[in-house]
C-alpha atoms as a PDB file:
ATOM      1  CA  UNK A   1     -13.661  13.934  17.604  1.00  0.00           C
ATOM      2  CA  UNK A   2     -10.358  12.345  16.859  1.00  0.00           C
ATOM      3  CA  UNK A   3     -11.775   8.911  18.362  1.00  0.00           C
ATOM      4  CA  UNK A   4     -14.885   9.278  15.912  1.00  0.00           C
ATOM      5  CA  UNK A   5     -12.001   9.743  13.034  1.00  0.00           C
ATOM      6  CA  UNK A   6      -9.802   7.010  13.662  1.00  0.00           C
ATOM      7  CA  UNK A   7     -13.084   4.410  13.903  1.00  0.00           C
ATOM      8  CA  UNK A   8     -14.030   5.893  10.967  1.00  0.00           C
ATOM      9  CA  UNK A   9     -10.440   4.996   9.447  1.00  0.00           C
ATOM     10  CA  UNK A  10     -10.679   1.620  10.734  1.00  0.00           C
ATOM     11  CA  UNK A  11     -13.948   0.668   9.653  1.00  0.00           C
ATOM     12  CA  UNK A  12     -12.294   2.158   6.213  1.00  0.00           C
ATOM     13  CA  UNK A  13      -9.581  -0.086   6.054  1.00  0.00           C
ATOM     14  CA  UNK A  14     -11.569  -3.516   7.691  1.00  0.00           C
ATOM     15  CA  UNK A  15     -14.158  -2.828   4.041  1.00  0.00           C
ATOM     16  CA  UNK A  16     -10.975  -2.680   2.141  1.00  0.00           C
ATOM     17  CA  UNK A  17      -9.813  -5.877   3.546  1.00  0.00           C
ATOM     18  CA  UNK A  18     -13.375  -7.388   2.906  1.00  0.00           C
ATOM     19  CA  UNK A  19     -13.513  -6.279  -0.702  1.00  0.00           C
ATOM     20  CA  UNK A  20      -9.890  -7.825  -1.892  1.00  0.00           C
ATOM     21  CA  UNK A  21     -10.926 -11.115  -0.021  1.00  0.00           C
ATOM     22  CA  UNK A  22     -13.852 -11.400  -2.059  1.00  0.00           C
ATOM     23  CA  UNK A  23     -12.481 -10.486  -5.413  1.00  0.00           C
ATOM     24  CA  UNK A  24      -9.756 -12.913  -4.441  1.00  0.00           C
ATOM     25  CA  UNK A  25     -12.205 -15.755  -4.116  1.00  0.00           C
ATOM     26  CA  UNK A  26     -13.878 -15.239  -7.239  1.00  0.00           C
ATOM     27  CA  UNK A  27     -10.698 -14.838  -9.033  1.00  0.00           C
ATOM     28  CA  UNK A  28      -9.656 -18.288  -7.331  1.00  0.00           C
ATOM     29  CA  UNK A  29     -13.020 -19.932  -8.319  1.00  0.00           C
ATOM     30  CA  UNK A  30     -12.408 -18.502 -11.866  1.00  0.00           C
ATOM     31  CA  UNK A  31      -8.949 -20.271 -12.515  1.00  0.00           C
ATOM     32  CA  UNK A  32      -9.826 -23.287 -10.133  1.00  0.00           C
ATOM     33  CA  UNK A  33     -11.847 -23.973 -13.391  1.00  0.00           C
ATOM     34  CA  UNK A  34      -9.097 -23.365 -15.840  1.00  0.00           C
ATOM     35  CA  UNK A  35      -7.066 -25.376 -13.477  1.00  0.00           C
ATOM     36  CA  UNK A  36      -8.831 -28.743 -13.739  1.00  0.00           C
ATOM     37  CA  UNK A  37      -9.108 -28.664 -17.723  1.00  0.00           C
ATOM     38  CA  UNK A  38      -5.527 -28.545 -17.666  1.00  0.00           C
ATOM     39  CA  UNK A  39      -5.075 -31.385 -15.025  1.00  0.00           C
ATOM     40  CA  UNK A  40      -7.526 -33.718 -17.163  1.00  0.00           C
ATOM     41  CA  UNK A  41      -5.007 -33.433 -20.286  1.00  0.00           C
ATOM     42  CA  UNK A  42      -2.198 -33.749 -18.489  1.00  0.00           C
ATOM     43  CA  UNK A  43      -3.325 -37.603 -17.665  1.00  0.00           C
ATOM     44  CA  UNK A  44      -3.367 -38.196 -21.550  1.00  0.00           C
ATOM     45  CA  UNK A  45       0.146 -36.035 -22.147  1.00  0.00           C
ATOM     46  CA  UNK A  46       3.549 -37.387 -22.151  1.00  0.00           C
ATOM     47  CA  UNK A  47       5.285 -34.691 -19.766  1.00  0.00           C
ATOM     48  CA  UNK A  48       8.293 -36.238 -19.308  1.00  0.00           C
ATOM     49  CA  UNK A  49       7.574 -37.455 -15.321  1.00  0.00           C
ATOM     50  CA  UNK A  50       6.148 -34.258 -13.973  1.00  0.00           C
ATOM     51  CA  UNK A  51       2.668 -34.691 -13.156  1.00  0.00           C
ATOM     52  CA  UNK A  52       3.692 -37.827 -11.154  1.00  0.00           C
ATOM     53  CA  UNK A  53       6.524 -36.054  -9.093  1.00  0.00           C
ATOM     54  CA  UNK A  54       5.917 -36.457  -5.624  1.00  0.00           C
ATOM     55  CA  UNK A  55       8.586 -33.710  -4.612  1.00  0.00           C
ATOM     56  CA  UNK A  56       8.589 -29.864  -5.575  1.00  0.00           C
ATOM     57  CA  UNK A  57      11.161 -27.274  -3.971  1.00  0.00           C
ATOM     58  CA  UNK A  58       9.989 -23.642  -3.322  1.00  0.00           C
ATOM     59  CA  UNK A  59      10.880 -20.027  -2.358  1.00  0.00           C
ATOM     60  CA  UNK A  60       8.331 -17.880  -0.864  1.00  0.00           C
ATOM     61  CA  UNK A  61       8.916 -14.344  -2.825  1.00  0.00           C
ATOM     62  CA  UNK A  62       6.785 -12.679  -0.011  1.00  0.00           C
ATOM     63  CA  UNK A  63       8.304 -13.455   2.999  1.00  0.00           C
ATOM     64  CA  UNK A  64      11.349 -11.555   1.546  1.00  0.00           C
ATOM     65  CA  UNK A  65       9.389  -8.293   1.988  1.00  0.00           C
ATOM     66  CA  UNK A  66       8.402  -9.303   5.681  1.00  0.00           C
ATOM     67  CA  UNK A  67      12.512  -9.802   6.064  1.00  0.00           C
ATOM     68  CA  UNK A  68      12.382 -13.738   6.041  1.00  0.00           C
ATOM     69  CA  UNK A  69      14.076 -16.254   3.683  1.00  0.00           C
ATOM     70  CA  UNK A  70      11.785 -19.255   3.658  1.00  0.00           C
ATOM     71  CA  UNK A  71      12.743 -21.982   1.219  1.00  0.00           C
ATOM     72  CA  UNK A  72      10.676 -24.949   1.344  1.00  0.00           C
ATOM     73  CA  UNK A  73      10.014 -28.877   0.165  1.00  0.00           C
ATOM     74  CA  UNK A  74       6.365 -30.238  -0.648  1.00  0.00           C
ATOM     75  CA  UNK A  75       5.566 -33.713  -0.966  1.00  0.00           C
ATOM     76  CA  UNK A  76       2.754 -35.581  -1.881  1.00  0.00           C
ATOM     77  CA  UNK A  77       1.395 -38.573  -0.285  1.00  0.00           C
ATOM     78  CA  UNK A  78      -1.584 -39.155  -2.118  1.00  0.00           C
ATOM     79  CA  UNK A  79      -3.784 -38.036  -5.164  1.00  0.00           C
ATOM     80  CA  UNK A  80      -4.800 -35.105  -3.660  1.00  0.00           C
ATOM     81  CA  UNK A  81      -3.004 -34.482   0.018  1.00  0.00           C
ATOM     82  CA  UNK A  82       0.239 -33.116   0.316  1.00  0.00           C
ATOM     83  CA  UNK A  83       2.845 -31.858   3.228  1.00  0.00           C
ATOM     84  CA  UNK A  84       5.055 -28.585   2.973  1.00  0.00           C
ATOM     85  CA  UNK A  85       7.894 -28.298   5.504  1.00  0.00           C
ATOM     86  CA  UNK A  86      10.469 -24.936   5.630  1.00  0.00           C
ATOM     87  CA  UNK A  87      13.133 -23.865   7.479  1.00  0.00           C
ATOM     88  CA  UNK A  88      13.949 -19.862   7.406  1.00  0.00           C
ATOM     89  CA  UNK A  89      16.655 -17.165   7.945  1.00  0.00           C
ATOM     90  CA  UNK A  90      15.096 -14.426   9.795  1.00  0.00           C
ATOM     91  CA  UNK A  91      16.604 -11.521   8.527  1.00  0.00           C
ATOM     92  CA  UNK A  92      17.639  -7.792  10.902  1.00  0.00           C
ATOM     93  CA  UNK A  93      14.593  -6.582   9.042  1.00  0.00           C
ATOM     94  CA  UNK A  94      11.131  -7.312  10.317  1.00  0.00           C
ATOM     95  CA  UNK A  95       7.832  -6.211   8.321  1.00  0.00           C
ATOM     96  CA  UNK A  96       4.216  -6.705   8.840  1.00  0.00           C
ATOM     97  CA  UNK A  97       3.060  -9.445   6.713  1.00  0.00           C
ATOM     98  CA  UNK A  98       2.538  -7.367   3.083  1.00  0.00           C
ATOM     99  CA  UNK A  99      -1.594  -7.263   2.686  1.00  0.00           C
ATOM    100  CA  UNK A 100      -1.425  -6.286   6.538  1.00  0.00           C
ATOM    101  CA  UNK A 101       1.135  -3.644   5.926  1.00  0.00           C
ATOM    102  CA  UNK A 102      -0.795  -2.463   2.882  1.00  0.00           C
ATOM    103  CA  UNK A 103      -4.332  -2.532   3.653  1.00  0.00           C
ATOM    104  CA  UNK A 104      -4.011  -1.080   7.708  1.00  0.00           C
ATOM    105  CA  UNK A 105      -3.045   1.651   9.821  1.00  0.00           C
ATOM    106  CA  UNK A 106      -1.450   0.879  12.712  1.00  0.00           C
ATOM    107  CA  UNK A 107      -0.213   3.507  15.735  1.00  0.00           C
ATOM    108  CA  UNK A 108       3.390   4.090  15.062  1.00  0.00           C
ATOM    109  CA  UNK A 109       3.501   3.633  19.609  1.00  0.00           C
ATOM    110  CA  UNK A 110       2.173   0.177  19.288  1.00  0.00           C
ATOM    111  CA  UNK A 111       5.350  -1.418  17.108  1.00  0.00           C
ATOM    112  CA  UNK A 112       8.898  -1.217  19.426  1.00  0.00           C
ATOM    113  CA  UNK A 113      10.661  -3.878  17.283  1.00  0.00           C
ATOM    114  CA  UNK A 114      13.143  -1.955  15.804  1.00  0.00           C
ATOM    115  CA  UNK A 115      16.194  -3.075  16.220  1.00  0.00           C
ATOM    116  CA  UNK A 116      15.883  -6.998  15.392  1.00  0.00           C
ATOM    117  CA  UNK A 117      18.905  -9.247  14.906  1.00  0.00           C
ATOM    118  CA  UNK A 118      18.912 -12.793  13.257  1.00  0.00           C
ATOM    119  CA  UNK A 119      16.868 -15.084  13.809  1.00  0.00           C
ATOM    120  CA  UNK A 120      15.036 -18.440  11.995  1.00  0.00           C
ATOM    121  CA  UNK A 121      11.845 -20.043  11.320  1.00  0.00           C
ATOM    122  CA  UNK A 122       9.937 -23.136  11.344  1.00  0.00           C
ATOM    123  CA  UNK A 123       7.027 -24.060   8.803  1.00  0.00           C
ATOM    124  CA  UNK A 124       4.475 -26.830   8.417  1.00  0.00           C
ATOM    125  CA  UNK A 125       1.595 -27.010   5.849  1.00  0.00           C
ATOM    126  CA  UNK A 126      -0.516 -29.456   5.153  1.00  0.00           C
ATOM    127  CA  UNK A 127      -2.883 -29.113   1.704  1.00  0.00           C
ATOM    128  CA  UNK A 128      -5.397 -30.547   0.357  1.00  0.00           C
ATOM    129  CA  UNK A 129      -5.856 -30.177  -3.692  1.00  0.00           C
ATOM    130  CA  UNK A 130      -9.223 -30.655  -5.030  1.00  0.00           C
ATOM    131  CA  UNK A 131      -7.537 -32.225  -8.087  1.00  0.00           C
ATOM    132  CA  UNK A 132      -5.094 -34.915  -8.757  1.00  0.00           C
ATOM    133  CA  UNK A 133      -1.414 -34.359  -9.331  1.00  0.00           C
ATOM    134  CA  UNK A 134      -0.820 -31.012  -6.624  1.00  0.00           C
ATOM    135  CA  UNK A 135      -2.191 -28.623  -8.825  1.00  0.00           C
ATOM    136  CA  UNK A 136      -5.081 -26.504  -8.825  1.00  0.00           C
ATOM    137  CA  UNK A 137      -7.090 -25.216  -6.434  1.00  0.00           C
ATOM    138  CA  UNK A 138      -6.400 -26.347  -2.521  1.00  0.00           C
ATOM    139  CA  UNK A 139      -6.867 -26.284   0.708  1.00  0.00           C
ATOM    140  CA  UNK A 140      -4.318 -25.547   4.016  1.00  0.00           C
ATOM    141  CA  UNK A 141      -3.518 -24.807   7.211  1.00  0.00           C
ATOM    142  CA  UNK A 142      -0.028 -23.356   7.333  1.00  0.00           C
ATOM    143  CA  UNK A 143       1.849 -23.376  10.920  1.00  0.00           C
ATOM    144  CA  UNK A 144       4.975 -20.913  11.059  1.00  0.00           C
ATOM    145  CA  UNK A 145       6.731 -20.346  14.204  1.00  0.00           C
ATOM    146  CA  UNK A 146       9.641 -17.551  14.226  1.00  0.00           C
ATOM    147  CA  UNK A 147      12.426 -16.745  16.334  1.00  0.00           C
ATOM    148  CA  UNK A 148      14.541 -13.701  16.790  1.00  0.00           C
ATOM    149  CA  UNK A 149      16.609 -14.866  20.096  1.00  0.00           C
ATOM    150  CA  UNK A 150      16.161 -13.149  23.097  1.00  0.00           C
ATOM    151  CA  UNK A 151      14.273 -10.916  21.557  1.00  0.00           C
ATOM    152  CA  UNK A 152      10.800 -12.029  20.404  1.00  0.00           C
ATOM    153  CA  UNK A 153       9.080 -15.261  19.368  1.00  0.00           C
ATOM    154  CA  UNK A 154       6.157 -15.063  16.702  1.00  0.00           C
ATOM    155  CA  UNK A 155       3.526 -17.835  16.478  1.00  0.00           C
ATOM    156  CA  UNK A 156       1.285 -17.832  12.795  1.00  0.00           C
ATOM    157  CA  UNK A 157      -1.804 -19.970  12.116  1.00  0.00           C
ATOM    158  CA  UNK A 158      -4.486 -19.718   9.436  1.00  0.00           C
ATOM    159  CA  UNK A 159      -6.541 -21.399   6.986  1.00  0.00           C
ATOM    160  CA  UNK A 160      -5.508 -20.388   3.674  1.00  0.00           C
ATOM    161  CA  UNK A 161      -7.100 -20.974   0.056  1.00  0.00           C
ATOM    162  CA  UNK A 162      -4.743 -21.253  -2.926  1.00  0.00           C
ATOM    163  CA  UNK A 163      -3.737 -21.836  -6.482  1.00  0.00           C
ATOM    164  CA  UNK A 164      -0.850 -23.821  -7.812  1.00  0.00           C
ATOM    165  CA  UNK A 165      -0.026 -24.135 -11.603  1.00  0.00           C
ATOM    166  CA  UNK A 166       2.930 -26.677 -12.596  1.00  0.00           C
ATOM    167  CA  UNK A 167       4.183 -26.102 -16.222  1.00  0.00           C
ATOM    168  CA  UNK A 168       6.307 -28.702 -18.525  1.00  0.00           C
ATOM    169  CA  UNK A 169       9.144 -27.346 -17.587  1.00  0.00           C
ATOM    170  CA  UNK A 170       8.752 -28.646 -13.743  1.00  0.00           C
ATOM    171  CA  UNK A 171       7.939 -24.425 -13.164  1.00  0.00           C
ATOM    172  CA  UNK A 172       5.751 -23.804 -10.506  1.00  0.00           C
ATOM    173  CA  UNK A 173       3.672 -21.101  -9.032  1.00  0.00           C
ATOM    174  CA  UNK A 174       1.927 -21.079  -6.182  1.00  0.00           C
ATOM    175  CA  UNK A 175      -0.383 -17.958  -4.545  1.00  0.00           C
ATOM    176  CA  UNK A 176      -2.399 -18.416  -1.388  1.00  0.00           C
ATOM    177  CA  UNK A 177      -4.309 -15.889   0.513  1.00  0.00           C
ATOM    178  CA  UNK A 178      -6.088 -16.594   4.219  1.00  0.00           C
ATOM    179  CA  UNK A 179      -7.030 -15.400   7.676  1.00  0.00           C
ATOM    180  CA  UNK A 180      -5.539 -16.016  10.860  1.00  0.00           C
ATOM    181  CA  UNK A 181      -3.890 -14.914  14.040  1.00  0.00           C
ATOM    182  CA  UNK A 182       0.053 -14.086  15.273  1.00  0.00           C
ATOM    183  CA  UNK A 183       0.713 -14.570  18.803  1.00  0.00           C
ATOM    184  CA  UNK A 184       3.592 -12.604  19.893  1.00  0.00           C
ATOM    185  CA  UNK A 185       5.872 -13.758  22.942  1.00  0.00           C
ATOM    186  CA  UNK A 186       8.034 -10.998  24.024  1.00  0.00           C
ATOM    187  CA  UNK A 187      11.075 -12.163  25.417  1.00  0.00           C
ATOM    188  CA  UNK A 188      13.053  -9.233  26.491  1.00  0.00           C
ATOM    189  CA  UNK A 189       9.574  -7.492  27.580  1.00  0.00           C
ATOM    190  CA  UNK A 190      10.287  -4.662  25.264  1.00  0.00           C
ATOM    191  CA  UNK A 191      10.249  -6.164  21.377  1.00  0.00           C
ATOM    192  CA  UNK A 192       7.141  -5.997  20.204  1.00  0.00           C
ATOM    193  CA  UNK A 193       5.218  -5.947  17.111  1.00  0.00           C
ATOM    194  CA  UNK A 194       1.870  -4.730  18.001  1.00  0.00           C
ATOM    195  CA  UNK A 195      -0.488  -3.338  20.895  1.00  0.00           C
ATOM    196  CA  UNK A 196       2.749  -1.756  22.770  1.00  0.00           C
ATOM    197  CA  UNK A 197       0.353   1.062  23.690  1.00  0.00           C
ATOM    198  CA  UNK A 198      -2.075  -0.826  25.408  1.00  0.00           C
ATOM    199  CA  UNK A 199      -0.612  -3.040  28.440  1.00  0.00           C
ATOM    200  CA  UNK A 200      -1.558  -4.449  30.999  1.00  0.00           C
ATOM    201  CA  UNK A 201       0.463  -5.843  34.367  1.00  0.00           C
ATOM    202  CA  UNK A 202       2.886  -8.500  34.258  1.00  0.00           C
ATOM    203  CA  UNK A 203       4.578  -9.925  36.943  1.00  0.00           C
ATOM    204  CA  UNK A 204       7.705  -8.928  37.017  1.00  0.00           C
ATOM    205  CA  UNK A 205       9.167 -12.118  39.459  1.00  0.00           C
ATOM    206  CA  UNK A 206       7.270 -15.295  37.467  1.00  0.00           C
ATOM    207  CA  UNK A 207       9.324 -13.504  34.023  1.00  0.00           C
ATOM    208  CA  UNK A 208      12.422 -12.650  35.923  1.00  0.00           C
ATOM    209  CA  UNK A 209      12.492  -8.896  35.023  1.00  0.00           C
ATOM    210  CA  UNK A 210      15.175  -7.056  36.580  1.00  0.00           C
ATOM    211  CA  UNK A 211      13.808  -3.978  37.764  1.00  0.00           C
ATOM    212  CA  UNK A 212      15.654  -0.671  36.194  1.00  0.00           C
ATOM    213  CA  UNK A 213      16.163  -2.663  32.797  1.00  0.00           C
ATOM    214  CA  UNK A 214      14.190  -0.169  31.121  1.00  0.00           C
ATOM    215  CA  UNK A 215      11.328  -2.603  31.155  1.00  0.00           C
ATOM    216  CA  UNK A 216       7.584  -1.503  32.467  1.00  0.00           C
ATOM    217  CA  UNK A 217       5.831  -3.195  34.868  1.00  0.00           C
ATOM    218  CA  UNK A 218       3.262  -4.429  31.762  1.00  0.00           C
ATOM    219  CA  UNK A 219       2.528  -5.897  28.795  1.00  0.00           C
ATOM    220  CA  UNK A 220       0.357  -5.672  25.454  1.00  0.00           C
ATOM    221  CA  UNK A 221      -2.332  -7.849  23.830  1.00  0.00           C
ATOM    222  CA  UNK A 222      -0.627 -11.389  22.798  1.00  0.00           C
ATOM    223  CA  UNK A 223      -2.689 -11.996  19.850  1.00  0.00           C
ATOM    224  CA  UNK A 224      -3.517 -10.231  16.720  1.00  0.00           C
ATOM    225  CA  UNK A 225      -5.520 -10.958  13.320  1.00  0.00           C
ATOM    226  CA  UNK A 226      -3.910 -12.484  10.653  1.00  0.00           C
ATOM    227  CA  UNK A 227      -4.203 -11.888   6.924  1.00  0.00           C
ATOM    228  CA  UNK A 228      -1.206 -13.732   4.969  1.00  0.00           C
ATOM    229  CA  UNK A 229      -0.490 -13.583   1.531  1.00  0.00           C
ATOM    230  CA  UNK A 230       2.127 -16.395  -0.140  1.00  0.00           C
ATOM    231  CA  UNK A 231       3.578 -15.929  -3.625  1.00  0.00           C
ATOM    232  CA  UNK A 232       6.095 -18.763  -4.590  1.00  0.00           C
ATOM    233  CA  UNK A 233       8.268 -20.006  -7.105  1.00  0.00           C
ATOM    234  CA  UNK A 234       9.651 -23.690  -7.381  1.00  0.00           C
ATOM    235  CA  UNK A 235      10.557 -26.836  -9.022  1.00  0.00           C
ATOM    236  CA  UNK A 236       8.969 -29.906  -9.227  1.00  0.00           C
ATOM    237  CA  UNK A 237      11.383 -32.612 -10.113  1.00  0.00           C
ATOM    238  CA  UNK A 238      10.975 -35.137 -12.696  1.00  0.00           C
ATOM    239  CA  UNK A 239      10.048 -39.076 -11.460  1.00  0.00           C
ATOM    240  CA  UNK A 240      12.017 -41.495 -12.779  1.00  0.00           C
END
């Protein structure tokens, strides 16, 4: 009966995620039409060089919830293609991505990363805008590598759909949602963010594990489904 109940809860959680994605997709599609109209108007207005600028500085607000301070810089290379790069500070307070945290109900035994240390991260995010001047609807392939030294390394990759707005003041709002995966690589063989209770045998010698160091001779899955959500605020520098 417990197994049936857990499967039912998992199915309900999955349906919530699917409904949320569909709702966001239709919302973004509607906003894309409005943004395209605004972009066309900018071609005929003097906005002080905002629409012709190629650099935008941003801070990821949603990642603060996850225990990461993540600034970035985006550069426009053509009318439609941009590249965003960033280096982040990982705080000693890890949390799962906000949508995954809100829409799923993982077993407490699957998470054993209770004492994270300060770390760092790298992010590369190629973006393709459907309209010009890096505004409006876009498609992106963000890659993020997180390092908690001597504890765990995490690699996130996904495909995202997003929308970016730019005002005459230079203020930028960037919102995106995607689907992807997280790969975990525990360095101490004790710190895991998922599936810690479902383990398979590992080789002590290959991983340099010391017998009696509180580490079991097993390791959980390395990859997990990811539903990344990003909310960024930024400033677009005026061109000269």
